[in-house]
Amino acid sequence: MNIQKEHQLFSIIIPVYNVEDYLPQCLDSILCQSFSDFELILVNDGSTDSSLKICQKYQADFSQIKIIDKKNGGLSDARNVGLLSAKGDYIIFTDSDDYWQGKQVLEDLGQVISQTNPDVIIHEESRFFSENDVLCKYNQRFINNKNGKFEDEILNLVYYDLYVASAWDKVIKRSILIDHQLFFPIGRKSEDIEWCGKLIHYLKTFSIYSKSFYIYRQVRKGSITTTVSAKHIEDVYDMVKEGLGSEKMKSEILSKAIENYWACNYVVILKDFYVLSAKTRNEIWNNLVSWKYLLQKGRNLKVDKVMKFYSFLNFKALIFFLNGYRVKTIWFKKYRTLK
């Protein structure tokens, strides 16, 4: 058993809510690491199953574990509570139904930090559909510079889906998050979108970790990402609107990268447009039309894919087509998990 220290290199924050079937695998994959200079903050967000008991059982055996037991407040609130409690130099967010692969992840990340001291380390996840179907897109092969000045590479990072709207594919200096009050918005779905959009403004340096260690579980029953609700898309719309309306940065490159980032999330609204009520669709329609300038090749791989169809479809037909693509994707994911 390791002696817990007042200071660690890493603080790993895991919000926990009714994940008794997946939590042991998640915890085992982190606690088996060859590198022990970390704290593991488990934020039990009002679980009604045996998740808290599982956390307590592991805490009895591992001194790195700190449990925060709170009333249910949602993912954003749980992450924020964990962040405020963290002592590590770098923050790693992990979802409790996902897990890591490999025992040297933290050791490798520690070496990256000792060599380059980046503001953020970006890594690509692998998507888990079944035990025999785990896939990583590995787009980092298109990036020539794997570390350095963030501004020099941000356009490529956004274009190749390396800088995306996810908290768990980034290892971030805690001081950046705390100094700039970069907490997750309460009461919003898809909160990572806003958080990652704001984070771009404060990153100066980056590194890419070459190994795909984060296993992102797809189509889990009960997961907030299994189905898309009208609330999700309404919140994405509000975040894109606020992001596009925010003050431009002095750097033209960073301003362009941020616009490209929001273009990618604009596509999400178009794809899920018919999830919204007819009333909401009418209310946001004029703004969606005014944002059509975001549909340009070269912004992002997903936007480029949409542009292949927008070249011969009008705007309304494009949205209808994307809705069909959305339905097909949902069923395909479910099919893959059953294989």
C-alpha atoms as a PDB file:
ATOM      1  CA  MET A   1       0.000   0.000   0.000  1.00  0.00           C
ATOM      2  CA  ASN A   2       1.312   3.447  -0.951  1.00  0.00           C
ATOM      3  CA  ILE A   3       1.445   6.337   1.501  1.00  0.00           C
ATOM      4  CA  GLN A   4      -0.742   9.194   0.321  1.00  0.00           C
ATOM      5  CA  LYS A   5       1.115  12.455  -0.207  1.00  0.00           C
ATOM      6  CA  GLU A   6      -0.012  16.045   0.034  1.00  0.00           C
ATOM      7  CA  HIS A   7       1.044  16.614  -3.554  1.00  0.00           C
ATOM      8  CA  GLN A   8       0.853  14.439  -6.663  1.00  0.00           C
ATOM      9  CA  LEU A   9       1.765  14.760 -10.312  1.00  0.00           C
ATOM     10  CA  PHE A  10      -1.680  13.578 -11.418  1.00  0.00           C
ATOM     11  CA  SER A  11      -5.197  13.991 -10.084  1.00  0.00           C
ATOM     12  CA  ILE A  12      -7.543  11.531 -11.777  1.00  0.00           C
ATOM     13  CA  ILE A  13     -11.176  12.577 -11.372  1.00  0.00           C
ATOM     14  CA  ILE A  14     -13.959  10.038 -11.886  1.00  0.00           C
ATOM     15  CA  PRO A  15     -17.618  11.013 -11.455  1.00  0.00           C
ATOM     16  CA  VAL A  16     -19.565   7.942 -10.311  1.00  0.00           C
ATOM     17  CA  TYR A  17     -23.278   7.447 -10.848  1.00  0.00           C
ATOM     18  CA  ASN A  18     -24.985   4.027 -10.963  1.00  0.00           C
ATOM     19  CA  VAL A  19     -22.185   2.166 -12.729  1.00  0.00           C
ATOM     20  CA  GLU A  20     -21.822  -0.916 -10.540  1.00  0.00           C
ATOM     21  CA  ASP A  21     -21.390  -3.175 -13.577  1.00  0.00           C
ATOM     22  CA  TYR A  22     -18.488  -1.170 -15.011  1.00  0.00           C
ATOM     23  CA  LEU A  23     -16.787   0.573 -12.091  1.00  0.00           C
ATOM     24  CA  PRO A  24     -14.479  -2.293 -10.991  1.00  0.00           C
ATOM     25  CA  GLN A  25     -12.940  -2.585 -14.454  1.00  0.00           C
ATOM     26  CA  CYS A  26     -12.443   1.185 -14.582  1.00  0.00           C
ATOM     27  CA  LEU A  27     -10.750   1.313 -11.169  1.00  0.00           C
ATOM     28  CA  ASP A  28      -8.623  -1.801 -11.754  1.00  0.00           C
ATOM     29  CA  SER A  29      -7.290  -0.351 -15.010  1.00  0.00           C
ATOM     30  CA  ILE A  30      -6.015   2.759 -13.202  1.00  0.00           C
ATOM     31  CA  LEU A  31      -4.853   1.254  -9.916  1.00  0.00           C
ATOM     32  CA  CYS A  32      -2.651  -1.288 -11.727  1.00  0.00           C
ATOM     33  CA  GLN A  33      -0.397   1.488 -13.053  1.00  0.00           C
ATOM     34  CA  SER A  34       3.351   1.132 -12.606  1.00  0.00           C
ATOM     35  CA  PHE A  35       3.480   4.825 -11.606  1.00  0.00           C
ATOM     36  CA  SER A  36       2.000   5.629  -8.190  1.00  0.00           C
ATOM     37  CA  ASP A  37       2.407   9.426  -7.918  1.00  0.00           C
ATOM     38  CA  PHE A  38      -1.293  10.166  -8.354  1.00  0.00           C
ATOM     39  CA  GLU A  39      -4.514  10.652  -6.449  1.00  0.00           C
ATOM     40  CA  LEU A  40      -7.747   9.067  -7.582  1.00  0.00           C
ATOM     41  CA  ILE A  41     -10.766  11.225  -6.743  1.00  0.00           C
ATOM     42  CA  LEU A  42     -14.047   9.334  -6.894  1.00  0.00           C
ATOM     43  CA  VAL A  43     -17.046  11.664  -6.812  1.00  0.00           C
ATOM     44  CA  ASN A  44     -20.120   9.623  -5.977  1.00  0.00           C
ATOM     45  CA  ASP A  45     -22.935  11.693  -7.439  1.00  0.00           C
ATOM     46  CA  GLY A  46     -25.847  10.254  -5.465  1.00  0.00           C
ATOM     47  CA  SER A  47     -25.684   6.709  -6.818  1.00  0.00           C
ATOM     48  CA  THR A  48     -28.628   4.507  -5.874  1.00  0.00           C
ATOM     49  CA  ASP A  49     -26.946   1.183  -6.705  1.00  0.00           C
ATOM     50  CA  SER A  50     -23.854  -0.357  -5.077  1.00  0.00           C
ATOM     51  CA  SER A  51     -21.383   2.072  -6.703  1.00  0.00           C
ATOM     52  CA  LEU A  52     -20.524   3.839  -3.427  1.00  0.00           C
ATOM     53  CA  LYS A  53     -19.865   0.524  -1.671  1.00  0.00           C
ATOM     54  CA  ILE A  54     -17.538  -0.474  -4.493  1.00  0.00           C
ATOM     55  CA  CYS A  55     -15.651   2.808  -4.096  1.00  0.00           C
ATOM     56  CA  GLN A  56     -15.329   2.260  -0.365  1.00  0.00           C
ATOM     57  CA  LYS A  57     -14.097  -1.293  -0.849  1.00  0.00           C
ATOM     58  CA  TYR A  58     -11.319  -0.094  -3.140  1.00  0.00           C
ATOM     59  CA  GLN A  59     -10.447   2.793  -0.831  1.00  0.00           C
ATOM     60  CA  ALA A  60      -9.734   0.296   1.957  1.00  0.00           C
ATOM     61  CA  ASP A  61      -6.989  -1.233  -0.176  1.00  0.00           C
ATOM     62  CA  PHE A  62      -5.581   1.803  -1.990  1.00  0.00           C
ATOM     63  CA  SER A  63      -4.501   4.960  -0.206  1.00  0.00           C
ATOM     64  CA  GLN A  64      -4.496   6.980  -3.460  1.00  0.00           C
ATOM     65  CA  ILE A  65      -8.295   6.948  -3.429  1.00  0.00           C
ATOM     66  CA  LYS A  66     -10.278   9.882  -2.108  1.00  0.00           C
ATOM     67  CA  ILE A  67     -14.070   9.577  -2.056  1.00  0.00           C
ATOM     68  CA  ILE A  68     -16.408  12.551  -2.223  1.00  0.00           C
ATOM     69  CA  ASP A  69     -20.002  11.511  -1.524  1.00  0.00           C
ATOM     70  CA  LYS A  70     -22.550  14.106  -2.626  1.00  0.00           C
ATOM     71  CA  LYS A  71     -26.153  14.539  -3.660  1.00  0.00           C
ATOM     72  CA  ASN A  72     -26.875  14.032  -7.314  1.00  0.00           C
ATOM     73  CA  GLY A  73     -26.010  17.167  -9.261  1.00  0.00           C
ATOM     74  CA  GLY A  74     -25.038  15.845 -12.681  1.00  0.00           C
ATOM     75  CA  LEU A  75     -21.774  15.200 -14.466  1.00  0.00           C
ATOM     76  CA  SER A  76     -20.643  18.836 -14.601  1.00  0.00           C
ATOM     77  CA  ASP A  77     -21.156  19.374 -10.890  1.00  0.00           C
ATOM     78  CA  ALA A  78     -19.336  16.131 -10.026  1.00  0.00           C
ATOM     79  CA  ARG A  79     -16.352  17.062 -12.173  1.00  0.00           C
ATOM     80  CA  ASN A  80     -16.231  20.571 -10.693  1.00  0.00           C
ATOM     81  CA  VAL A  81     -16.305  19.233  -7.136  1.00  0.00           C
ATOM     82  CA  GLY A  82     -13.474  16.848  -7.992  1.00  0.00           C
ATOM     83  CA  LEU A  83     -11.441  19.604  -9.633  1.00  0.00           C
ATOM     84  CA  LEU A  84     -11.749  21.882  -6.609  1.00  0.00           C
ATOM     85  CA  SER A  85     -10.507  19.046  -4.398  1.00  0.00           C
ATOM     86  CA  ALA A  86      -7.595  18.080  -6.654  1.00  0.00           C
ATOM     87  CA  LYS A  87      -3.956  18.645  -5.665  1.00  0.00           C
ATOM     88  CA  GLY A  88      -2.115  17.234  -8.668  1.00  0.00           C
ATOM     89  CA  ASP A  89      -0.151  19.257 -11.193  1.00  0.00           C
ATOM     90  CA  TYR A  90      -2.164  17.697 -14.019  1.00  0.00           C
ATOM     91  CA  ILE A  91      -5.835  16.763 -14.217  1.00  0.00           C
ATOM     92  CA  ILE A  92      -7.137  13.633 -15.936  1.00  0.00           C
ATOM     93  CA  PHE A  93     -10.890  13.152 -16.293  1.00  0.00           C
ATOM     94  CA  THR A  94     -12.164   9.611 -16.740  1.00  0.00           C
ATOM     95  CA  ASP A  95     -15.742   8.401 -17.063  1.00  0.00           C
ATOM     96  CA  SER A  96     -16.645   5.558 -14.730  1.00  0.00           C
ATOM     97  CA  ASP A  97     -18.008   3.280 -17.448  1.00  0.00           C
ATOM     98  CA  ASP A  98     -14.801   3.540 -19.487  1.00  0.00           C
ATOM     99  CA  TYR A  99     -11.384   2.088 -18.698  1.00  0.00           C
ATOM    100  CA  TRP A 100      -7.675   2.325 -19.516  1.00  0.00           C
ATOM    101  CA  GLN A 101      -5.511  -0.133 -21.383  1.00  0.00           C
ATOM    102  CA  GLY A 102      -1.890  -0.686 -20.360  1.00  0.00           C
ATOM    103  CA  LYS A 103      -0.009  -0.449 -17.078  1.00  0.00           C
ATOM    104  CA  GLN A 104       2.524   2.237 -18.058  1.00  0.00           C
ATOM    105  CA  VAL A 105       0.148   5.017 -19.060  1.00  0.00           C
ATOM    106  CA  LEU A 106       0.951   7.339 -16.164  1.00  0.00           C
ATOM    107  CA  GLU A 107       4.650   6.512 -16.348  1.00  0.00           C
ATOM    108  CA  ASP A 108       4.673   7.448 -20.037  1.00  0.00           C
ATOM    109  CA  LEU A 109       2.698  10.627 -19.423  1.00  0.00           C
ATOM    110  CA  GLY A 110       5.131  11.530 -16.647  1.00  0.00           C
ATOM    111  CA  GLN A 111       7.998  11.222 -19.111  1.00  0.00           C
ATOM    112  CA  VAL A 112       6.207  13.474 -21.600  1.00  0.00           C
ATOM    113  CA  ILE A 113       5.774  16.067 -18.861  1.00  0.00           C
ATOM    114  CA  SER A 114       9.408  15.867 -17.778  1.00  0.00           C
ATOM    115  CA  GLN A 115      10.537  16.383 -21.380  1.00  0.00           C
ATOM    116  CA  THR A 116       8.183  19.134 -22.607  1.00  0.00           C
ATOM    117  CA  ASN A 117       6.106  20.391 -19.631  1.00  0.00           C
ATOM    118  CA  PRO A 118       3.075  21.012 -21.894  1.00  0.00           C
ATOM    119  CA  ASP A 119      -0.110  22.807 -20.935  1.00  0.00           C
ATOM    120  CA  VAL A 120      -2.080  19.904 -22.375  1.00  0.00           C
ATOM    121  CA  ILE A 121      -1.354  16.355 -23.487  1.00  0.00           C
ATOM    122  CA  ILE A 122      -3.809  15.128 -26.112  1.00  0.00           C
ATOM    123  CA  HIS A 123      -4.457  11.423 -26.611  1.00  0.00           C
ATOM    124  CA  GLU A 124      -6.837   9.523 -28.879  1.00  0.00           C
ATOM    125  CA  GLU A 125      -9.435   7.175 -27.458  1.00  0.00           C
ATOM    126  CA  SER A 126     -10.312   3.718 -28.698  1.00  0.00           C
ATOM    127  CA  ARG A 127     -14.020   3.034 -29.132  1.00  0.00           C
ATOM    128  CA  PHE A 128     -15.343  -0.123 -27.495  1.00  0.00           C
ATOM    129  CA  PHE A 129     -18.277  -1.827 -29.190  1.00  0.00           C
ATOM    130  CA  SER A 130     -17.566  -5.364 -27.963  1.00  0.00           C
ATOM    131  CA  GLU A 131     -14.614  -7.393 -26.673  1.00  0.00           C
ATOM    132  CA  ASN A 132     -13.686  -8.196 -30.273  1.00  0.00           C
ATOM    133  CA  ASP A 133     -14.442  -4.765 -31.684  1.00  0.00           C
ATOM    134  CA  VAL A 134     -12.280  -1.965 -30.266  1.00  0.00           C
ATOM    135  CA  LEU A 135     -11.154   0.663 -32.748  1.00  0.00           C
ATOM    136  CA  CYS A 136      -8.899   3.751 -32.702  1.00  0.00           C
ATOM    137  CA  LYS A 137      -9.031   6.141 -35.659  1.00  0.00           C
ATOM    138  CA  TYR A 138      -5.380   7.146 -35.000  1.00  0.00           C
ATOM    139  CA  ASN A 139      -5.500  10.486 -36.813  1.00  0.00           C
ATOM    140  CA  GLN A 140      -2.337  11.627 -35.089  1.00  0.00           C
ATOM    141  CA  ARG A 141      -0.468  10.022 -37.990  1.00  0.00           C
ATOM    142  CA  PHE A 142      -1.376  13.141 -40.001  1.00  0.00           C
ATOM    143  CA  ILE A 143       0.296  15.506 -37.499  1.00  0.00           C
ATOM    144  CA  ASN A 144       3.973  16.226 -38.138  1.00  0.00           C
ATOM    145  CA  ASN A 145       4.660  18.159 -34.939  1.00  0.00           C
ATOM    146  CA  LYS A 146       3.684  16.063 -31.913  1.00  0.00           C
ATOM    147  CA  ASN A 147       4.604  18.781 -29.410  1.00  0.00           C
ATOM    148  CA  GLY A 148       5.396  22.464 -29.292  1.00  0.00           C
ATOM    149  CA  LYS A 149       3.502  25.733 -29.521  1.00  0.00           C
ATOM    150  CA  PHE A 150      -0.254  25.111 -29.459  1.00  0.00           C
ATOM    151  CA  GLU A 151      -0.995  27.940 -31.890  1.00  0.00           C
ATOM    152  CA  ASP A 152       1.332  26.440 -34.499  1.00  0.00           C
ATOM    153  CA  GLU A 153      -0.619  23.200 -34.711  1.00  0.00           C
ATOM    154  CA  ILE A 154      -4.161  24.013 -33.539  1.00  0.00           C
ATOM    155  CA  LEU A 155      -5.670  24.205 -37.031  1.00  0.00           C
ATOM    156  CA  ASN A 156      -4.452  20.675 -37.770  1.00  0.00           C
ATOM    157  CA  LEU A 157      -5.508  19.419 -34.349  1.00  0.00           C
ATOM    158  CA  VAL A 158      -9.053  20.650 -34.957  1.00  0.00           C
ATOM    159  CA  TYR A 159      -9.148  19.516 -38.576  1.00  0.00           C
ATOM    160  CA  TYR A 160      -8.025  15.962 -37.843  1.00  0.00           C
ATOM    161  CA  ASP A 161     -10.380  15.525 -34.862  1.00  0.00           C
ATOM    162  CA  LEU A 162      -7.580  15.513 -32.292  1.00  0.00           C
ATOM    163  CA  TYR A 163      -8.798  18.574 -30.448  1.00  0.00           C
ATOM    164  CA  VAL A 164     -12.456  17.675 -29.945  1.00  0.00           C
ATOM    165  CA  ALA A 165     -15.239  18.291 -27.436  1.00  0.00           C
ATOM    166  CA  SER A 166     -14.167  15.714 -24.851  1.00  0.00           C
ATOM    167  CA  ALA A 167     -12.707  16.230 -21.391  1.00  0.00           C
ATOM    168  CA  TRP A 168     -11.297  12.710 -21.059  1.00  0.00           C
ATOM    169  CA  ASP A 169      -8.904  12.843 -24.032  1.00  0.00           C
ATOM    170  CA  LYS A 170      -6.839  15.631 -22.497  1.00  0.00           C
ATOM    171  CA  VAL A 171      -4.339  15.758 -19.623  1.00  0.00           C
ATOM    172  CA  ILE A 172      -4.351  19.384 -18.466  1.00  0.00           C
ATOM    173  CA  LYS A 173      -2.352  21.539 -16.086  1.00  0.00           C
ATOM    174  CA  ARG A 174      -4.532  22.137 -13.060  1.00  0.00           C
ATOM    175  CA  SER A 175      -3.273  25.703 -12.713  1.00  0.00           C
ATOM    176  CA  ILE A 176      -4.768  26.616 -16.105  1.00  0.00           C
ATOM    177  CA  LEU A 177      -8.196  25.343 -15.100  1.00  0.00           C
ATOM    178  CA  ILE A 178      -8.159  26.941 -11.658  1.00  0.00           C
ATOM    179  CA  ASP A 179      -6.538  30.256 -12.604  1.00  0.00           C
ATOM    180  CA  HIS A 180      -9.052  30.824 -15.410  1.00  0.00           C
ATOM    181  CA  GLN A 181     -12.039  29.330 -13.574  1.00  0.00           C
ATOM    182  CA  LEU A 182     -12.589  26.746 -16.301  1.00  0.00           C
ATOM    183  CA  PHE A 183     -15.364  24.736 -14.698  1.00  0.00           C
ATOM    184  CA  PHE A 184     -18.052  22.744 -16.445  1.00  0.00           C
ATOM    185  CA  PRO A 185     -21.404  24.507 -17.018  1.00  0.00           C
ATOM    186  CA  ILE A 186     -24.109  23.321 -14.636  1.00  0.00           C
ATOM    187  CA  GLY A 187     -27.434  22.217 -16.061  1.00  0.00           C
ATOM    188  CA  ARG A 188     -26.260  21.717 -19.614  1.00  0.00           C
ATOM    189  CA  LYS A 189     -25.993  18.529 -21.613  1.00  0.00           C
ATOM    190  CA  SER A 190     -22.921  17.932 -23.792  1.00  0.00           C
ATOM    191  CA  GLU A 191     -21.078  20.245 -21.393  1.00  0.00           C
ATOM    192  CA  ASP A 192     -17.685  19.235 -22.806  1.00  0.00           C
ATOM    193  CA  ILE A 193     -18.416  21.312 -25.916  1.00  0.00           C
ATOM    194  CA  GLU A 194     -18.464  24.638 -24.085  1.00  0.00           C
ATOM    195  CA  TRP A 195     -15.616  23.687 -21.761  1.00  0.00           C
ATOM    196  CA  CYS A 196     -13.260  22.630 -24.556  1.00  0.00           C
ATOM    197  CA  GLY A 197     -14.210  25.688 -26.609  1.00  0.00           C
ATOM    198  CA  LYS A 198     -13.135  27.966 -23.762  1.00  0.00           C
ATOM    199  CA  LEU A 199     -10.014  25.954 -23.009  1.00  0.00           C
ATOM    200  CA  ILE A 200      -8.541  26.760 -26.438  1.00  0.00           C
ATOM    201  CA  HIS A 201      -8.069  30.365 -25.335  1.00  0.00           C
ATOM    202  CA  TYR A 202      -5.630  29.478 -22.559  1.00  0.00           C
ATOM    203  CA  LEU A 203      -3.366  26.768 -23.983  1.00  0.00           C
ATOM    204  CA  LYS A 204       0.136  27.787 -25.043  1.00  0.00           C
ATOM    205  CA  THR A 205       1.906  24.443 -25.478  1.00  0.00           C
ATOM    206  CA  PHE A 206       0.861  20.875 -26.236  1.00  0.00           C
ATOM    207  CA  SER A 207       2.090  17.321 -26.665  1.00  0.00           C
ATOM    208  CA  ILE A 208       0.446  14.279 -28.235  1.00  0.00           C
ATOM    209  CA  TYR A 209       0.684  10.970 -26.405  1.00  0.00           C
ATOM    210  CA  SER A 210       1.120   8.337 -29.070  1.00  0.00           C
ATOM    211  CA  LYS A 211      -0.688   5.427 -27.410  1.00  0.00           C
ATOM    212  CA  SER A 212      -4.447   4.997 -27.430  1.00  0.00           C
ATOM    213  CA  PHE A 213      -5.036   3.940 -23.825  1.00  0.00           C
ATOM    214  CA  TYR A 214      -8.525   5.319 -23.131  1.00  0.00           C
ATOM    215  CA  ILE A 215     -11.257   2.819 -23.977  1.00  0.00           C
ATOM    216  CA  TYR A 216     -14.518   4.645 -24.595  1.00  0.00           C
ATOM    217  CA  ARG A 217     -17.498   2.349 -24.204  1.00  0.00           C
ATOM    218  CA  GLN A 218     -20.204   2.778 -26.857  1.00  0.00           C
ATOM    219  CA  VAL A 219     -23.981   2.398 -26.493  1.00  0.00           C
ATOM    220  CA  ARG A 220     -23.982   1.474 -22.788  1.00  0.00           C
ATOM    221  CA  LYS A 221     -27.465   1.070 -21.386  1.00  0.00           C
ATOM    222  CA  GLY A 222     -28.222   4.009 -19.103  1.00  0.00           C
ATOM    223  CA  SER A 223     -25.401   6.166 -20.459  1.00  0.00           C
ATOM    224  CA  ILE A 224     -26.211   9.832 -21.045  1.00  0.00           C
ATOM    225  CA  THR A 225     -24.597   9.503 -24.495  1.00  0.00           C
ATOM    226  CA  THR A 226     -26.670   6.493 -25.584  1.00  0.00           C
ATOM    227  CA  THR A 227     -29.547   8.628 -26.828  1.00  0.00           C
ATOM    228  CA  VAL A 228     -29.725  12.253 -27.904  1.00  0.00           C
ATOM    229  CA  SER A 229     -32.550  14.290 -26.397  1.00  0.00           C
ATOM    230  CA  ALA A 230     -33.982  17.628 -27.461  1.00  0.00           C
ATOM    231  CA  LYS A 231     -32.304  19.111 -24.364  1.00  0.00           C
ATOM    232  CA  HIS A 232     -28.907  17.970 -25.675  1.00  0.00           C
ATOM    233  CA  ILE A 233     -29.368  19.701 -29.019  1.00  0.00           C
ATOM    234  CA  GLU A 234     -30.905  22.834 -27.521  1.00  0.00           C
ATOM    235  CA  ASP A 235     -27.848  23.134 -25.297  1.00  0.00           C
ATOM    236  CA  VAL A 236     -25.470  22.523 -28.207  1.00  0.00           C
ATOM    237  CA  TYR A 237     -27.292  25.260 -30.132  1.00  0.00           C
ATOM    238  CA  ASP A 238     -26.920  27.697 -27.213  1.00  0.00           C
ATOM    239  CA  MET A 239     -23.228  26.863 -26.854  1.00  0.00           C
ATOM    240  CA  VAL A 240     -22.525  27.312 -30.570  1.00  0.00           C
ATOM    241  CA  LYS A 241     -24.430  30.614 -30.548  1.00  0.00           C
ATOM    242  CA  GLU A 242     -22.441  31.877 -27.571  1.00  0.00           C
ATOM    243  CA  GLY A 243     -19.167  30.608 -29.007  1.00  0.00           C
ATOM    244  CA  LEU A 244     -19.671  32.304 -32.366  1.00  0.00           C
ATOM    245  CA  GLY A 245     -20.701  35.507 -30.630  1.00  0.00           C
ATOM    246  CA  SER A 246     -17.722  35.642 -28.270  1.00  0.00           C
ATOM    247  CA  GLU A 247     -14.948  38.184 -28.656  1.00  0.00           C
ATOM    248  CA  LYS A 248     -12.389  37.317 -31.320  1.00  0.00           C
ATOM    249  CA  MET A 249      -8.845  36.520 -30.263  1.00  0.00           C
ATOM    250  CA  LYS A 250      -5.903  38.671 -31.319  1.00  0.00           C
ATOM    251  CA  SER A 251      -4.367  35.714 -33.119  1.00  0.00           C
ATOM    252  CA  GLU A 252      -5.971  35.096 -36.527  1.00  0.00           C
ATOM    253  CA  ILE A 253      -4.913  31.452 -36.366  1.00  0.00           C
ATOM    254  CA  LEU A 254      -6.556  30.847 -33.006  1.00  0.00           C
ATOM    255  CA  SER A 255      -9.697  32.731 -34.093  1.00  0.00           C
ATOM    256  CA  LYS A 256      -9.889  30.556 -37.193  1.00  0.00           C
ATOM    257  CA  ALA A 257      -9.333  27.384 -35.166  1.00  0.00           C
ATOM    258  CA  ILE A 258     -12.100  28.338 -32.740  1.00  0.00           C
ATOM    259  CA  GLU A 259     -14.464  29.040 -35.630  1.00  0.00           C
ATOM    260  CA  ASN A 260     -13.593  25.647 -37.126  1.00  0.00           C
ATOM    261  CA  TYR A 261     -14.245  24.021 -33.767  1.00  0.00           C
ATOM    262  CA  TRP A 262     -17.710  25.567 -33.621  1.00  0.00           C
ATOM    263  CA  ALA A 263     -18.332  24.576 -37.247  1.00  0.00           C
ATOM    264  CA  CYS A 264     -17.865  20.957 -36.249  1.00  0.00           C
ATOM    265  CA  ASN A 265     -20.452  21.342 -33.487  1.00  0.00           C
ATOM    266  CA  TYR A 266     -22.776  23.237 -35.846  1.00  0.00           C
ATOM    267  CA  VAL A 267     -22.868  20.038 -37.893  1.00  0.00           C
ATOM    268  CA  VAL A 268     -24.079  18.226 -34.763  1.00  0.00           C
ATOM    269  CA  ILE A 269     -27.117  20.529 -34.631  1.00  0.00           C
ATOM    270  CA  LEU A 270     -27.880  19.947 -38.306  1.00  0.00           C
ATOM    271  CA  LYS A 271     -27.541  16.180 -37.917  1.00  0.00           C
ATOM    272  CA  ASP A 272     -29.864  16.053 -34.908  1.00  0.00           C
ATOM    273  CA  PHE A 273     -32.201  18.834 -36.054  1.00  0.00           C
ATOM    274  CA  TYR A 274     -35.278  16.590 -36.178  1.00  0.00           C
ATOM    275  CA  VAL A 275     -34.807  15.554 -32.553  1.00  0.00           C
ATOM    276  CA  LEU A 276     -36.066  19.042 -31.706  1.00  0.00           C
ATOM    277  CA  SER A 277     -39.718  19.989 -31.473  1.00  0.00           C
ATOM    278  CA  ALA A 278     -41.321  21.769 -34.419  1.00  0.00           C
ATOM    279  CA  LYS A 279     -41.574  24.932 -32.305  1.00  0.00           C
ATOM    280  CA  THR A 280     -37.867  24.916 -31.438  1.00  0.00           C
ATOM    281  CA  ARG A 281     -36.906  24.154 -35.036  1.00  0.00           C
ATOM    282  CA  ASN A 282     -38.815  27.239 -36.174  1.00  0.00           C
ATOM    283  CA  GLU A 283     -37.283  29.400 -33.443  1.00  0.00           C
ATOM    284  CA  ILE A 284     -33.678  28.577 -34.333  1.00  0.00           C
ATOM    285  CA  TRP A 285     -34.039  28.241 -38.090  1.00  0.00           C
ATOM    286  CA  ASN A 286     -32.941  31.762 -39.057  1.00  0.00           C
ATOM    287  CA  ASN A 287     -29.759  31.470 -37.010  1.00  0.00           C
ATOM    288  CA  LEU A 288     -28.939  28.087 -38.529  1.00  0.00           C
ATOM    289  CA  VAL A 289     -29.306  29.598 -41.982  1.00  0.00           C
ATOM    290  CA  SER A 290     -27.113  32.574 -41.042  1.00  0.00           C
ATOM    291  CA  TRP A 291     -24.381  30.170 -39.901  1.00  0.00           C
ATOM    292  CA  LYS A 292     -24.159  28.406 -43.259  1.00  0.00           C
ATOM    293  CA  TYR A 293     -20.794  30.110 -43.776  1.00  0.00           C
ATOM    294  CA  LEU A 294     -19.412  27.514 -41.370  1.00  0.00           C
ATOM    295  CA  LEU A 295     -19.945  24.854 -44.030  1.00  0.00           C
ATOM    296  CA  GLN A 296     -16.605  25.145 -45.775  1.00  0.00           C
ATOM    297  CA  LYS A 297     -14.047  22.536 -46.730  1.00  0.00           C
ATOM    298  CA  GLY A 298     -10.859  22.514 -44.708  1.00  0.00           C
ATOM    299  CA  ARG A 299     -12.404  23.235 -41.325  1.00  0.00           C
ATOM    300  CA  ASN A 300     -12.707  19.681 -40.014  1.00  0.00           C
ATOM    301  CA  LEU A 301     -12.899  16.127 -41.343  1.00  0.00           C
ATOM    302  CA  LYS A 302     -16.566  15.855 -40.363  1.00  0.00           C
ATOM    303  CA  VAL A 303     -17.394  19.162 -42.042  1.00  0.00           C
ATOM    304  CA  ASP A 304     -15.564  17.991 -45.169  1.00  0.00           C
ATOM    305  CA  LYS A 305     -17.703  14.852 -45.205  1.00  0.00           C
ATOM    306  CA  VAL A 306     -20.865  16.953 -44.974  1.00  0.00           C
ATOM    307  CA  MET A 307     -19.623  19.178 -47.795  1.00  0.00           C
ATOM    308  CA  LYS A 308     -19.572  16.205 -50.174  1.00  0.00           C
ATOM    309  CA  PHE A 309     -23.368  16.119 -49.933  1.00  0.00           C
ATOM    310  CA  TYR A 310     -23.931  19.861 -49.579  1.00  0.00           C
ATOM    311  CA  SER A 311     -22.327  20.286 -52.999  1.00  0.00           C
ATOM    312  CA  PHE A 312     -25.458  18.838 -54.642  1.00  0.00           C
ATOM    313  CA  LEU A 313     -28.150  19.223 -51.951  1.00  0.00           C
ATOM    314  CA  ASN A 314     -29.789  22.429 -50.817  1.00  0.00           C
ATOM    315  CA  PHE A 315     -29.681  23.335 -47.134  1.00  0.00           C
ATOM    316  CA  LYS A 316     -33.045  21.830 -46.178  1.00  0.00           C
ATOM    317  CA  ALA A 317     -32.332  18.653 -48.097  1.00  0.00           C
ATOM    318  CA  LEU A 318     -28.922  18.408 -46.428  1.00  0.00           C
ATOM    319  CA  ILE A 319     -30.489  18.476 -42.962  1.00  0.00           C
ATOM    320  CA  PHE A 320     -33.015  15.822 -43.969  1.00  0.00           C
ATOM    321  CA  PHE A 321     -30.207  13.665 -45.356  1.00  0.00           C
ATOM    322  CA  LEU A 322     -28.126  14.081 -42.184  1.00  0.00           C
ATOM    323  CA  ASN A 323     -31.093  12.977 -40.105  1.00  0.00           C
ATOM    324  CA  GLY A 324     -31.184   9.735 -42.069  1.00  0.00           C
ATOM    325  CA  TYR A 325     -27.457   9.344 -41.506  1.00  0.00           C
ATOM    326  CA  ARG A 326     -28.019   9.879 -37.770  1.00  0.00           C
ATOM    327  CA  VAL A 327     -30.619   7.117 -37.559  1.00  0.00           C
ATOM    328  CA  LYS A 328     -28.427   4.760 -39.565  1.00  0.00           C
ATOM    329  CA  THR A 329     -25.450   5.449 -37.282  1.00  0.00           C
ATOM    330  CA  ILE A 330     -27.479   4.707 -34.139  1.00  0.00           C
ATOM    331  CA  TRP A 331     -28.623   1.361 -35.448  1.00  0.00           C
ATOM    332  CA  PHE A 332     -25.163   0.491 -36.746  1.00  0.00           C
ATOM    333  CA  LYS A 333     -23.600   1.153 -33.344  1.00  0.00           C
ATOM    334  CA  LYS A 334     -26.196  -1.010 -31.634  1.00  0.00           C
ATOM    335  CA  TYR A 335     -25.573  -3.769 -34.179  1.00  0.00           C
ATOM    336  CA  ARG A 336     -21.828  -3.633 -33.570  1.00  0.00           C
ATOM    337  CA  THR A 337     -22.276  -4.009 -29.830  1.00  0.00           C
ATOM    338  CA  LEU A 338     -24.270  -7.217 -30.383  1.00  0.00           C
ATOM    339  CA  LYS A 339     -21.685  -8.876 -32.616  1.00  0.00           C
END
